[in-house]
């Protein structure tokens, strides 16, 4: 996969998005550690609006990993 050599536009859009991202709500419980955490849906809810408003997108693609494992590559695009 090819990526851009120039990241200035991506960096500017990401900086704007980061200023708009709010904290994720810890809405799930881990009984083993007796703690709460923000699940993936809560994390996505906290950043989705800021990402899309600044022309960014997130794409995830599975690919084979070592010893039969599955790896996921996450790519931030602009």
PDB file of N, CA and C in Angstrom:
ATOM      1  N   UNK A   1       0.840  -1.169   0.000  1.00  0.00           N
ATOM      2  CA  UNK A   1       0.000   0.000   0.000  1.00  0.00           C
ATOM      3  C   UNK A   1       0.888   1.236   0.000  1.00  0.00           C
ATOM      4  N   UNK A   2       0.546   2.194  -0.828  1.00  0.00           N
ATOM      5  CA  UNK A   2       1.324   3.425  -0.895  1.00  0.00           C
ATOM      6  C   UNK A   2       0.725   4.468   0.041  1.00  0.00           C
ATOM      7  N   UNK A   3       1.575   5.292   0.595  1.00  0.00           N
ATOM      8  CA  UNK A   3       1.123   6.398   1.441  1.00  0.00           C
ATOM      9  C   UNK A   3       1.748   7.683   0.936  1.00  0.00           C
ATOM     10  N   UNK A   4       1.143   8.785   1.311  1.00  0.00           N
ATOM     11  CA  UNK A   4       1.636  10.092   0.879  1.00  0.00           C
ATOM     12  C   UNK A   4       2.951  10.424   1.567  1.00  0.00           C
ATOM     13  N   UNK A   5       3.821  11.076   0.821  1.00  0.00           N
ATOM     14  CA  UNK A   5       5.064  11.548   1.425  1.00  0.00           C
ATOM     15  C   UNK A   5       4.817  12.844   2.189  1.00  0.00           C
ATOM     16  N   UNK A   6       3.856  13.631   1.742  1.00  0.00           N
ATOM     17  CA  UNK A   6       3.525  14.891   2.397  1.00  0.00           C
ATOM     18  C   UNK A   6       2.352  14.676   3.349  1.00  0.00           C
ATOM     19  N   UNK A   7       2.547  15.027   4.598  1.00  0.00           N
ATOM     20  CA  UNK A   7       1.506  14.821   5.603  1.00  0.00           C
ATOM     21  C   UNK A   7       0.965  16.133   6.167  1.00  0.00           C
ATOM     22  N   UNK A   8       1.320  17.268   5.565  1.00  0.00           N
ATOM     23  CA  UNK A   8       0.936  18.555   6.143  1.00  0.00           C
ATOM     24  C   UNK A   8      -0.580  18.729   6.212  1.00  0.00           C
ATOM     25  N   UNK A   9      -1.324  18.344   5.169  1.00  0.00           N
ATOM     26  CA  UNK A   9      -2.780  18.498   5.202  1.00  0.00           C
ATOM     27  C   UNK A   9      -3.412  17.527   6.198  1.00  0.00           C
ATOM     28  N   UNK A  10      -2.899  16.314   6.249  1.00  0.00           N
ATOM     29  CA  UNK A  10      -3.389  15.339   7.215  1.00  0.00           C
ATOM     30  C   UNK A  10      -3.116  15.830   8.635  1.00  0.00           C
ATOM     31  N   UNK A  11      -1.919  16.327   8.881  1.00  0.00           N
ATOM     32  CA  UNK A  11      -1.554  16.807  10.219  1.00  0.00           C
ATOM     33  C   UNK A  11      -2.438  17.970  10.644  1.00  0.00           C
ATOM     34  N   UNK A  12      -2.734  18.893   9.739  1.00  0.00           N
ATOM     35  CA  UNK A  12      -3.578  20.044  10.065  1.00  0.00           C
ATOM     36  C   UNK A  12      -5.001  19.594  10.395  1.00  0.00           C
ATOM     37  N   UNK A  13      -5.547  18.676   9.597  1.00  0.00           N
ATOM     38  CA  UNK A  13      -6.896  18.172   9.846  1.00  0.00           C
ATOM     39  C   UNK A  13      -6.948  17.395  11.156  1.00  0.00           C
ATOM     40  N   UNK A  14      -5.923  16.623  11.444  1.00  0.00           N
ATOM     41  CA  UNK A  14      -5.878  15.850  12.684  1.00  0.00           C
ATOM     42  C   UNK A  14      -5.785  16.765  13.904  1.00  0.00           C
ATOM     43  N   UNK A  15      -5.013  17.827  13.799  1.00  0.00           N
ATOM     44  CA  UNK A  15      -4.905  18.778  14.915  1.00  0.00           C
ATOM     45  C   UNK A  15      -6.265  19.410  15.212  1.00  0.00           C
ATOM     46  N   UNK A  16      -7.004  19.774  14.165  1.00  0.00           N
ATOM     47  CA  UNK A  16      -8.341  20.350  14.361  1.00  0.00           C
ATOM     48  C   UNK A  16      -9.281  19.330  14.986  1.00  0.00           C
ATOM     49  N   UNK A  17      -9.216  18.094  14.512  1.00  0.00           N
ATOM     50  CA  UNK A  17     -10.087  17.049  15.050  1.00  0.00           C
ATOM     51  C   UNK A  17      -9.773  16.774  16.515  1.00  0.00           C
ATOM     52  N   UNK A  18      -8.493  16.716  16.855  1.00  0.00           N
ATOM     53  CA  UNK A  18      -8.110  16.437  18.240  1.00  0.00           C
ATOM     54  C   UNK A  18      -8.612  17.516  19.194  1.00  0.00           C
ATOM     55  N   UNK A  19      -8.714  18.740  18.718  1.00  0.00           N
ATOM     56  CA  UNK A  19      -9.221  19.818  19.560  1.00  0.00           C
ATOM     57  C   UNK A  19     -10.715  19.653  19.839  1.00  0.00           C
ATOM     58  N   UNK A  20     -11.404  18.888  18.995  1.00  0.00           N
ATOM     59  CA  UNK A  20     -12.848  18.703  19.124  1.00  0.00           C
ATOM     60  C   UNK A  20     -13.248  17.387  19.790  1.00  0.00           C
ATOM     61  N   UNK A  21     -12.316  16.457  19.917  1.00  0.00           N
ATOM     62  CA  UNK A  21     -12.639  15.146  20.489  1.00  0.00           C
ATOM     63  C   UNK A  21     -12.948  15.303  21.974  1.00  0.00           C
ATOM     64  N   UNK A  22     -14.031  14.662  22.384  1.00  0.00           N
ATOM     65  CA  UNK A  22     -14.394  14.700  23.802  1.00  0.00           C
ATOM     66  C   UNK A  22     -14.007  13.375  24.454  1.00  0.00           C
ATOM     67  N   UNK A  23     -14.004  13.344  25.752  1.00  0.00           N
ATOM     68  CA  UNK A  23     -13.634  12.127  26.463  1.00  0.00           C
ATOM     69  C   UNK A  23     -14.673  11.034  26.296  1.00  0.00           C
ATOM     70  N   UNK A  24     -14.218   9.813  26.172  1.00  0.00           N
ATOM     71  CA  UNK A  24     -15.127   8.669  26.055  1.00  0.00           C
ATOM     72  C   UNK A  24     -15.723   8.345  27.418  1.00  0.00           C
ATOM     73  N   UNK A  25     -16.976   7.939  27.406  1.00  0.00           N
ATOM     74  CA  UNK A  25     -17.674   7.593  28.644  1.00  0.00           C
ATOM     75  C   UNK A  25     -17.326   6.156  29.034  1.00  0.00           C
ATOM     76  N   UNK A  26     -16.942   5.977  30.283  1.00  0.00           N
ATOM     77  CA  UNK A  26     -16.653   4.628  30.793  1.00  0.00           C
ATOM     78  C   UNK A  26     -17.990   3.962  31.110  1.00  0.00           C
ATOM     79  N   UNK A  27     -18.497   3.213  30.134  1.00  0.00           N
ATOM     80  CA  UNK A  27     -19.837   2.644  30.253  1.00  0.00           C
ATOM     81  C   UNK A  27     -19.861   1.122  30.327  1.00  0.00           C
ATOM     82  N   UNK A  28     -18.703   0.503  30.466  1.00  0.00           N
ATOM     83  CA  UNK A  28     -18.635  -0.957  30.573  1.00  0.00           C
ATOM     84  C   UNK A  28     -17.867  -1.320  31.848  1.00  0.00           C
ATOM     85  N   UNK A  29     -18.132  -2.513  32.356  1.00  0.00           N
ATOM     86  CA  UNK A  29     -17.500  -2.953  33.595  1.00  0.00           C
ATOM     87  C   UNK A  29     -16.662  -4.200  33.378  1.00  0.00           C
ATOM     88  N   UNK A  30     -15.523  -4.244  34.068  1.00  0.00           N
ATOM     89  CA  UNK A  30     -14.663  -5.414  34.059  1.00  0.00           C
ATOM     90  C   UNK A  30     -14.736  -6.023  35.462  1.00  0.00           C
ATOM     91  N   UNK A  31     -15.512  -7.082  35.629  1.00  0.00           N
ATOM     92  CA  UNK A  31     -15.672  -7.652  36.966  1.00  0.00           C
ATOM     93  C   UNK A  31     -14.390  -8.265  37.524  1.00  0.00           C
ATOM     94  N   UNK A  32     -13.498  -8.718  36.656  1.00  0.00           N
ATOM     95  CA  UNK A  32     -12.258  -9.328  37.119  1.00  0.00           C
ATOM     96  C   UNK A  32     -11.389  -8.325  37.870  1.00  0.00           C
ATOM     97  N   UNK A  33     -11.275  -7.124  37.324  1.00  0.00           N
ATOM     98  CA  UNK A  33     -10.464  -6.076  37.957  1.00  0.00           C
ATOM     99  C   UNK A  33     -11.309  -5.087  38.755  1.00  0.00           C
ATOM    100  N   UNK A  34     -12.618  -5.301  38.763  1.00  0.00           N
ATOM    101  CA  UNK A  34     -13.546  -4.411  39.474  1.00  0.00           C
ATOM    102  C   UNK A  34     -13.324  -2.959  39.046  1.00  0.00           C
ATOM    103  N   UNK A  35     -13.342  -2.754  37.726  1.00  0.00           N
ATOM    104  CA  UNK A  35     -13.113  -1.421  37.173  1.00  0.00           C
ATOM    105  C   UNK A  35     -14.064  -1.177  36.002  1.00  0.00           C
ATOM    106  N   UNK A  36     -14.183   0.074  35.641  1.00  0.00           N
ATOM    107  CA  UNK A  36     -14.990   0.417  34.471  1.00  0.00           C
ATOM    108  C   UNK A  36     -14.062   0.893  33.363  1.00  0.00           C
ATOM    109  N   UNK A  37     -14.553   0.809  32.132  1.00  0.00           N
ATOM    110  CA  UNK A  37     -13.755   1.222  30.985  1.00  0.00           C
ATOM    111  C   UNK A  37     -14.683   1.694  29.871  1.00  0.00           C
ATOM    112  N   UNK A  38     -14.130   2.439  28.933  1.00  0.00           N
ATOM    113  CA  UNK A  38     -14.877   2.889  27.765  1.00  0.00           C
ATOM    114  C   UNK A  38     -14.764   1.807  26.699  1.00  0.00           C
ATOM    115  N   UNK A  39     -15.901   1.242  26.302  1.00  0.00           N
ATOM    116  CA  UNK A  39     -15.845   0.220  25.261  1.00  0.00           C
ATOM    117  C   UNK A  39     -15.636   0.879  23.896  1.00  0.00           C
ATOM    118  N   UNK A  40     -15.423   0.072  22.867  1.00  0.00           N
ATOM    119  CA  UNK A  40     -15.110   0.584  21.545  1.00  0.00           C
ATOM    120  C   UNK A  40     -16.208   1.502  21.009  1.00  0.00           C
ATOM    121  N   UNK A  41     -17.457   1.152  21.250  1.00  0.00           N
ATOM    122  CA  UNK A  41     -18.567   1.991  20.781  1.00  0.00           C
ATOM    123  C   UNK A  41     -18.524   3.375  21.432  1.00  0.00           C
ATOM    124  N   UNK A  42     -18.200   3.433  22.709  1.00  0.00           N
ATOM    125  CA  UNK A  42     -18.105   4.709  23.413  1.00  0.00           C
ATOM    126  C   UNK A  42     -16.937   5.546  22.903  1.00  0.00           C
ATOM    127  N   UNK A  43     -15.815   4.899  22.630  1.00  0.00           N
ATOM    128  CA  UNK A  43     -14.650   5.606  22.087  1.00  0.00           C
ATOM    129  C   UNK A  43     -14.981   6.172  20.716  1.00  0.00           C
ATOM    130  N   UNK A  44     -15.640   5.370  19.877  1.00  0.00           N
ATOM    131  CA  UNK A  44     -16.000   5.837  18.535  1.00  0.00           C
ATOM    132  C   UNK A  44     -16.994   6.996  18.619  1.00  0.00           C
ATOM    133  N   UNK A  45     -17.975   6.907  19.534  1.00  0.00           N
ATOM    134  CA  UNK A  45     -18.928   8.004  19.718  1.00  0.00           C
ATOM    135  C   UNK A  45     -18.231   9.296  20.123  1.00  0.00           C
ATOM    136  N   UNK A  46     -17.154   9.180  20.888  1.00  0.00           N
ATOM    137  CA  UNK A  46     -16.435  10.364  21.377  1.00  0.00           C
ATOM    138  C   UNK A  46     -15.649  11.068  20.275  1.00  0.00           C
ATOM    139  N   UNK A  47     -15.287  10.367  19.219  1.00  0.00           N
ATOM    140  CA  UNK A  47     -14.431  10.986  18.200  1.00  0.00           C
ATOM    141  C   UNK A  47     -15.027  11.042  16.798  1.00  0.00           C
ATOM    142  N   UNK A  48     -16.121  10.332  16.541  1.00  0.00           N
ATOM    143  CA  UNK A  48     -16.679  10.244  15.184  1.00  0.00           C
ATOM    144  C   UNK A  48     -16.971  11.607  14.574  1.00  0.00           C
ATOM    145  N   UNK A  49     -17.666  12.453  15.288  1.00  0.00           N
ATOM    146  CA  UNK A  49     -18.057  13.765  14.764  1.00  0.00           C
ATOM    147  C   UNK A  49     -16.840  14.611  14.406  1.00  0.00           C
ATOM    148  N   UNK A  50     -15.857  14.653  15.285  1.00  0.00           N
ATOM    149  CA  UNK A  50     -14.648  15.453  15.038  1.00  0.00           C
ATOM    150  C   UNK A  50     -13.862  14.921  13.848  1.00  0.00           C
ATOM    151  N   UNK A  51     -13.807  13.618  13.708  1.00  0.00           N
ATOM    152  CA  UNK A  51     -13.074  13.014  12.591  1.00  0.00           C
ATOM    153  C   UNK A  51     -13.734  13.360  11.261  1.00  0.00           C
ATOM    154  N   UNK A  52     -15.040  13.125  11.169  1.00  0.00           N
ATOM    155  CA  UNK A  52     -15.723  13.358   9.901  1.00  0.00           C
ATOM    156  C   UNK A  52     -15.833  14.837   9.571  1.00  0.00           C
ATOM    157  N   UNK A  53     -16.004  15.697  10.579  1.00  0.00           N
ATOM    158  CA  UNK A  53     -16.122  17.140  10.334  1.00  0.00           C
ATOM    159  C   UNK A  53     -14.842  17.732   9.754  1.00  0.00           C
ATOM    160  N   UNK A  54     -13.729  17.049   9.940  1.00  0.00           N
ATOM    161  CA  UNK A  54     -12.445  17.551   9.451  1.00  0.00           C
ATOM    162  C   UNK A  54     -11.913  16.758   8.266  1.00  0.00           C
ATOM    163  N   UNK A  55     -12.805  16.042   7.587  1.00  0.00           N
ATOM    164  CA  UNK A  55     -12.426  15.340   6.366  1.00  0.00           C
ATOM    165  C   UNK A  55     -11.550  14.126   6.574  1.00  0.00           C
ATOM    166  N   UNK A  56     -11.598  13.548   7.764  1.00  0.00           N
ATOM    167  CA  UNK A  56     -10.791  12.371   8.071  1.00  0.00           C
ATOM    168  C   UNK A  56     -11.676  11.129   8.061  1.00  0.00           C
ATOM    169  N   UNK A  57     -11.066   9.984   7.830  1.00  0.00           N
ATOM    170  CA  UNK A  57     -11.775   8.717   7.932  1.00  0.00           C
ATOM    171  C   UNK A  57     -10.823   7.664   8.490  1.00  0.00           C
ATOM    172  N   UNK A  58     -11.408   6.642   9.064  1.00  0.00           N
ATOM    173  CA  UNK A  58     -10.642   5.542   9.638  1.00  0.00           C
ATOM    174  C   UNK A  58     -11.060   4.263   8.930  1.00  0.00           C
ATOM    175  N   UNK A  59     -10.082   3.512   8.441  1.00  0.00           N
ATOM    176  CA  UNK A  59     -10.346   2.256   7.751  1.00  0.00           C
ATOM    177  C   UNK A  59      -9.524   1.170   8.434  1.00  0.00           C
ATOM    178  N   UNK A  60     -10.166   0.037   8.689  1.00  0.00           N
ATOM    179  CA  UNK A  60      -9.451  -1.086   9.287  1.00  0.00           C
ATOM    180  C   UNK A  60      -9.551  -2.291   8.366  1.00  0.00           C
ATOM    181  N   UNK A  61      -8.434  -2.971   8.168  1.00  0.00           N
ATOM    182  CA  UNK A  61      -8.394  -4.131   7.286  1.00  0.00           C
ATOM    183  C   UNK A  61      -7.678  -5.286   7.978  1.00  0.00           C
ATOM    184  N   UNK A  62      -8.322  -6.454   8.018  1.00  0.00           N
ATOM    185  CA  UNK A  62      -7.655  -7.628   8.597  1.00  0.00           C
ATOM    186  C   UNK A  62      -6.630  -8.182   7.619  1.00  0.00           C
ATOM    187  N   UNK A  63      -5.592  -8.758   8.160  1.00  0.00           N
ATOM    188  CA  UNK A  63      -4.580  -9.421   7.336  1.00  0.00           C
ATOM    189  C   UNK A  63      -3.956 -10.544   8.139  1.00  0.00           C
ATOM    190  N   UNK A  64      -3.408 -11.530   7.464  1.00  0.00           N
ATOM    191  CA  UNK A  64      -2.818 -12.654   8.187  1.00  0.00           C
ATOM    192  C   UNK A  64      -1.595 -12.221   8.988  1.00  0.00           C
ATOM    193  N   UNK A  65      -1.494 -12.780  10.171  1.00  0.00           N
ATOM    194  CA  UNK A  65      -0.352 -12.490  11.025  1.00  0.00           C
ATOM    195  C   UNK A  65       0.455 -13.751  11.276  1.00  0.00           C
ATOM    196  N   UNK A  66       1.397 -13.683  12.181  1.00  0.00           N
ATOM    197  CA  UNK A  66       2.249 -14.841  12.473  1.00  0.00           C
ATOM    198  C   UNK A  66       1.465 -15.963  13.156  1.00  0.00           C
ATOM    199  N   UNK A  67       1.853 -17.178  12.885  1.00  0.00           N
ATOM    200  CA  UNK A  67       1.287 -18.372  13.536  1.00  0.00           C
ATOM    201  C   UNK A  67      -0.227 -18.464  13.406  1.00  0.00           C
ATOM    202  N   UNK A  68      -0.766 -18.039  12.267  1.00  0.00           N
ATOM    203  CA  UNK A  68      -2.206 -18.155  12.035  1.00  0.00           C
ATOM    204  C   UNK A  68      -3.042 -17.080  12.693  1.00  0.00           C
ATOM    205  N   UNK A  69      -2.422 -16.132  13.349  1.00  0.00           N
ATOM    206  CA  UNK A  69      -3.163 -15.049  13.982  1.00  0.00           C
ATOM    207  C   UNK A  69      -3.715 -14.099  12.913  1.00  0.00           C
ATOM    208  N   UNK A  70      -4.671 -13.296  13.308  1.00  0.00           N
ATOM    209  CA  UNK A  70      -5.201 -12.262  12.421  1.00  0.00           C
ATOM    210  C   UNK A  70      -4.785 -10.917  12.985  1.00  0.00           C
ATOM    211  N   UNK A  71      -4.197 -10.076  12.147  1.00  0.00           N
ATOM    212  CA  UNK A  71      -3.800  -8.733  12.541  1.00  0.00           C
ATOM    213  C   UNK A  71      -4.750  -7.742  11.880  1.00  0.00           C
ATOM    214  N   UNK A  72      -4.899  -6.591  12.489  1.00  0.00           N
ATOM    215  CA  UNK A  72      -5.728  -5.534  11.923  1.00  0.00           C
ATOM    216  C   UNK A  72      -4.872  -4.312  11.735  1.00  0.00           C
ATOM    217  N   UNK A  73      -4.869  -3.781  10.517  1.00  0.00           N
ATOM    218  CA  UNK A  73      -4.154  -2.547  10.219  1.00  0.00           C
ATOM    219  C   UNK A  73      -5.166  -1.414  10.204  1.00  0.00           C
ATOM    220  N   UNK A  74      -4.909  -0.385  10.984  1.00  0.00           N
ATOM    221  CA  UNK A  74      -5.785   0.783  11.038  1.00  0.00           C
ATOM    222  C   UNK A  74      -5.110   1.911  10.302  1.00  0.00           C
ATOM    223  N   UNK A  75      -5.840   2.528   9.373  1.00  0.00           N
ATOM    224  CA  UNK A  75      -5.289   3.609   8.565  1.00  0.00           C
ATOM    225  C   UNK A  75      -6.166   4.844   8.709  1.00  0.00           C
ATOM    226  N   UNK A  76      -5.541   5.965   9.021  1.00  0.00           N
ATOM    227  CA  UNK A  76      -6.215   7.257   9.081  1.00  0.00           C
ATOM    228  C   UNK A  76      -6.046   7.916   7.728  1.00  0.00           C
ATOM    229  N   UNK A  77      -7.151   8.304   7.103  1.00  0.00           N
ATOM    230  CA  UNK A  77      -7.068   8.868   5.766  1.00  0.00           C
ATOM    231  C   UNK A  77      -7.665  10.278   5.735  1.00  0.00           C
ATOM    232  N   UNK A  78      -7.194  11.062   4.775  1.00  0.00           N
ATOM    233  CA  UNK A  78      -7.677  12.436   4.601  1.00  0.00           C
ATOM    234  C   UNK A  78      -7.846  12.714   3.140  1.00  0.00           C
TER     235      UNK A  78
END
